[in-house]
Amino acid sequence: MTSLPRSPARLIAPLAALCLSACASTAYRPVSDVPVRIGPPYSIRGQTYVPAADPAYDMLGFASWYGSESGNRTANGERFRPGAITAASRTLPLPTYVEVTSLETGRTILVRINDRGPFGNEWRIIDLSRGAADLLGIRARGVAPVRVRVVEPPEQDRARLRGGKPARARPTVAPPALDNLRAQLKTGCARSATAPAGC
């Protein structure tokens, strides 16, 4: 005895249910500091980036921010949370903790890198989440000069950042040191043919 094939109408309901359940259950990586992921070289818009561990990373450039990607997956596999104090880097391991200093105000915050970017402008060295941009005081400007350096914060600060909350307040950079950082950025801009306007 052979079974009769199911009618198309009887197949549609189970297939629709399967599709809906697959779409509704996006799996995100738990927010964790292990394992640290470096990843292979990758290309975006014709530019190749080579991720690498760089404990001595200390750069001057510009920060931008992003916040409309709520619910999307970060390059680290985590759920993107716009209000958390996170950021994107083109090459630093995921995650990495960095200290970001506004060269306009001297305000300094601790940020957890869990995504890739920014792309399209070599002078933009970090893309902050909306929460990080608010905390640093640059959200209204959109793009601002910053110093970004890799740090190894205590577990208490790491845990707060993993939980989406700011780390403990960090000291503001003193005016003489801030003037020195601004001068270094200005010198770098003057030597570059690709420096953005107002650099």
Protein backbone atom coordinates (compact mmCIF):
# COMPACT_ATOMS: atom_id res chain seq x y z
CA MET A 1 0.00 0.00 0.00
CA THR A 2 1.39 3.41 -0.96
CA SER A 3 0.63 6.64 0.83
CA LEU A 4 -1.02 9.40 -1.10
CA PRO A 5 0.94 12.64 -1.50
CA ARG A 6 -0.17 15.50 0.71
CA SER A 7 -2.07 18.29 -0.93
CA PRO A 8 -0.23 21.63 -1.29
CA ALA A 9 -2.66 23.26 1.15
CA ARG A 10 -1.75 20.76 3.88
CA LEU A 11 1.97 21.51 3.39
CA ILE A 12 1.72 25.30 3.59
CA ALA A 13 0.80 25.56 7.29
CA PRO A 14 3.75 23.47 8.61
CA LEU A 15 6.21 25.25 6.32
CA ALA A 16 4.93 28.67 7.37
CA ALA A 17 5.24 27.72 11.04
CA LEU A 18 8.81 26.51 10.48
CA CYS A 19 9.80 29.74 8.71
CA LEU A 20 8.27 31.92 11.41
CA SER A 21 10.00 30.04 14.21
CA ALA A 22 13.36 30.28 12.43
CA CYS A 23 12.94 34.01 11.85
CA ALA A 24 11.83 34.70 15.41
CA SER A 25 14.70 32.89 17.11
CA THR A 26 17.81 34.84 16.13
CA ALA A 27 20.63 33.43 18.22
CA TYR A 28 23.01 35.98 19.70
CA ARG A 29 26.30 35.23 21.42
CA PRO A 30 26.12 35.79 25.19
CA VAL A 31 27.91 38.95 26.31
CA SER A 32 31.26 37.61 27.48
CA ASP A 33 34.95 38.49 27.37
CA VAL A 34 35.91 34.97 26.30
CA PRO A 35 36.80 33.81 23.81
CA VAL A 36 38.54 36.86 22.40
CA ARG A 37 38.14 36.89 18.63
CA ILE A 38 40.63 38.46 16.26
CA GLY A 39 39.40 37.15 12.92
CA PRO A 40 40.98 36.93 9.47
CA PRO A 41 41.73 39.88 7.15
CA TYR A 42 38.61 41.23 5.44
CA SER A 43 37.81 43.77 2.72
CA ILE A 44 35.19 46.51 2.71
CA ARG A 45 34.75 48.89 -0.25
CA GLY A 46 38.08 47.87 -1.74
CA GLN A 47 40.04 48.40 1.49
CA THR A 48 41.58 45.43 3.31
CA TYR A 49 41.76 45.41 7.11
CA VAL A 50 43.93 43.05 9.16
CA PRO A 51 42.67 42.47 12.73
CA ALA A 52 45.42 41.99 15.29
CA ALA A 53 46.10 42.20 19.01
CA ASP A 54 47.76 45.54 19.76
CA PRO A 55 48.24 46.21 23.49
CA ALA A 56 50.15 49.42 22.64
CA TYR A 57 47.30 50.82 20.49
CA ASP A 58 47.14 54.59 21.11
CA MET A 59 45.64 56.66 18.28
CA LEU A 60 44.44 60.18 17.59
CA GLY A 61 41.63 60.71 15.13
CA PHE A 62 37.87 61.12 15.04
CA ALA A 63 34.96 59.32 16.63
CA SER A 64 31.53 58.98 15.07
CA TRP A 65 28.49 57.18 16.48
CA TYR A 66 25.76 54.82 15.36
CA GLY A 67 22.47 53.87 16.92
CA SER A 68 19.83 52.87 14.39
CA GLU A 69 20.98 49.24 14.22
CA SER A 70 19.11 48.23 17.39
CA GLY A 71 18.59 44.49 17.49
CA ASN A 72 21.24 43.73 14.88
CA ARG A 73 24.09 41.35 15.52
CA THR A 74 27.51 42.88 16.17
CA ALA A 75 30.65 41.47 14.56
CA ASN A 76 31.25 39.77 17.92
CA GLY A 77 27.95 37.89 17.57
CA GLU A 78 26.30 39.84 20.39
CA ARG A 79 23.03 41.74 20.15
CA PHE A 80 23.69 45.41 19.38
CA ARG A 81 22.40 47.57 22.25
CA PRO A 82 22.42 51.27 21.29
CA GLY A 83 22.28 52.46 24.89
CA ALA A 84 25.21 50.32 26.07
CA ILE A 85 28.74 51.74 26.25
CA THR A 86 30.21 49.89 23.27
CA ALA A 87 31.99 50.72 20.04
CA ALA A 88 33.33 49.44 16.74
CA SER A 89 36.97 49.19 15.66
CA ARG A 90 38.31 48.06 12.30
CA THR A 91 41.11 45.87 13.66
CA LEU A 92 41.18 45.47 17.45
CA PRO A 93 40.24 42.06 18.89
CA LEU A 94 36.62 41.51 19.96
CA PRO A 95 36.17 42.34 22.73
CA THR A 96 38.80 44.92 23.64
CA TYR A 97 38.54 47.65 26.25
CA VAL A 98 39.63 51.14 25.27
CA GLU A 99 39.80 54.53 26.90
CA VAL A 100 38.27 57.23 24.70
CA THR A 101 39.10 60.88 25.41
CA SER A 102 37.33 63.84 23.82
CA LEU A 103 40.00 66.28 22.63
CA GLU A 104 37.44 69.08 22.96
CA THR A 105 36.56 68.64 26.63
CA GLY A 106 39.13 66.24 28.09
CA ARG A 107 36.29 63.94 29.23
CA THR A 108 37.41 60.30 29.24
CA ILE A 109 35.29 57.14 29.25
CA LEU A 110 35.91 53.40 29.19
CA VAL A 111 34.34 51.57 26.23
CA ARG A 112 33.98 47.91 25.24
CA ILE A 113 34.74 47.17 21.56
CA ASN A 114 32.43 44.46 20.19
CA ASP A 115 31.87 45.44 16.55
CA ARG A 116 33.67 46.31 13.30
CA GLY A 117 33.84 49.77 11.73
CA PRO A 118 33.89 52.64 10.95
CA PHE A 119 34.50 52.32 7.22
CA GLY A 120 35.03 54.84 4.45
CA ASN A 121 37.29 57.35 6.22
CA GLU A 122 40.71 56.51 7.64
CA TRP A 123 40.55 59.42 10.10
CA ARG A 124 37.47 58.02 11.83
CA ILE A 125 39.12 55.54 14.18
CA ILE A 126 36.14 54.48 16.31
CA ASP A 127 32.37 54.23 15.94
CA LEU A 128 30.67 54.70 19.32
CA SER A 129 27.26 53.39 20.29
CA ARG A 130 24.66 56.06 21.03
CA GLY A 131 25.14 55.40 24.76
CA ALA A 132 28.90 55.91 24.53
CA ALA A 133 28.49 59.07 22.42
CA ASP A 134 26.09 60.47 25.03
CA LEU A 135 28.46 59.62 27.88
CA LEU A 136 31.41 61.24 26.09
CA GLY A 137 29.29 64.29 25.23
CA ILE A 138 29.70 64.13 21.44
CA ARG A 139 26.31 62.87 20.30
CA ALA A 140 25.08 66.32 19.20
CA ARG A 141 28.22 66.90 17.11
CA GLY A 142 28.13 63.53 15.35
CA VAL A 143 31.91 63.47 14.75
CA ALA A 144 34.55 64.69 17.20
CA PRO A 145 38.34 64.50 17.71
CA VAL A 146 39.41 61.82 20.16
CA ARG A 147 42.25 59.79 21.56
CA VAL A 148 41.68 56.02 21.71
CA ARG A 149 44.00 53.73 23.64
CA VAL A 150 43.80 50.10 24.71
CA VAL A 151 43.56 49.55 28.47
CA GLU A 152 43.14 46.61 30.86
CA PRO A 153 40.44 47.72 33.30
CA PRO A 154 39.57 45.90 36.53
CA GLU A 155 36.84 43.25 36.47
CA GLN A 156 34.40 45.59 38.24
CA ASP A 157 34.46 47.97 35.27
CA ARG A 158 34.37 45.14 32.73
CA ALA A 159 31.31 43.66 34.39
CA ARG A 160 29.48 46.99 34.34
CA LEU A 161 30.20 47.44 30.63
CA ARG A 162 29.14 43.87 29.83
CA GLY A 163 25.88 44.66 31.62
CA GLY A 164 25.32 47.71 29.43
CA LYS A 165 26.19 50.24 32.14
CA PRO A 166 28.99 52.84 32.28
CA ALA A 167 32.20 51.95 34.08
CA ARG A 168 33.32 54.07 36.99
CA ALA A 169 34.11 57.70 36.12
CA ARG A 170 37.62 58.33 34.84
CA PRO A 171 39.71 61.48 35.46
CA THR A 172 39.41 64.33 32.98
CA VAL A 173 42.61 65.02 31.04
CA ALA A 174 44.43 68.11 32.35
CA PRO A 175 44.51 71.17 30.03
CA PRO A 176 48.29 71.04 29.27
CA ALA A 177 48.09 67.36 28.25
CA LEU A 178 44.94 68.05 26.24
CA ASP A 179 46.66 70.92 24.40
CA ASN A 180 49.54 68.57 23.56
CA LEU A 181 47.15 65.94 22.14
CA ARG A 182 45.34 68.56 20.04
CA ALA A 183 48.67 69.79 18.66
CA GLN A 184 49.70 66.23 17.73
CA LEU A 185 46.40 65.69 15.88
CA LYS A 186 46.75 69.00 14.06
CA THR A 187 50.29 68.12 12.98
CA GLY A 188 49.12 64.74 11.67
CA CYS A 189 46.28 66.39 9.78
CA ALA A 190 48.62 68.94 8.20
CA ARG A 191 50.81 66.14 6.83
CA SER A 192 47.93 64.20 5.32
CA ALA A 193 46.31 64.78 1.94
CA THR A 194 43.20 62.89 3.09
CA ALA A 195 42.55 64.75 6.35
CA PRO A 196 38.91 65.82 6.72
CA ALA A 197 37.86 69.46 6.74
CA GLY A 198 38.28 71.02 10.16
CA CYS A 199 40.94 68.49 11.16
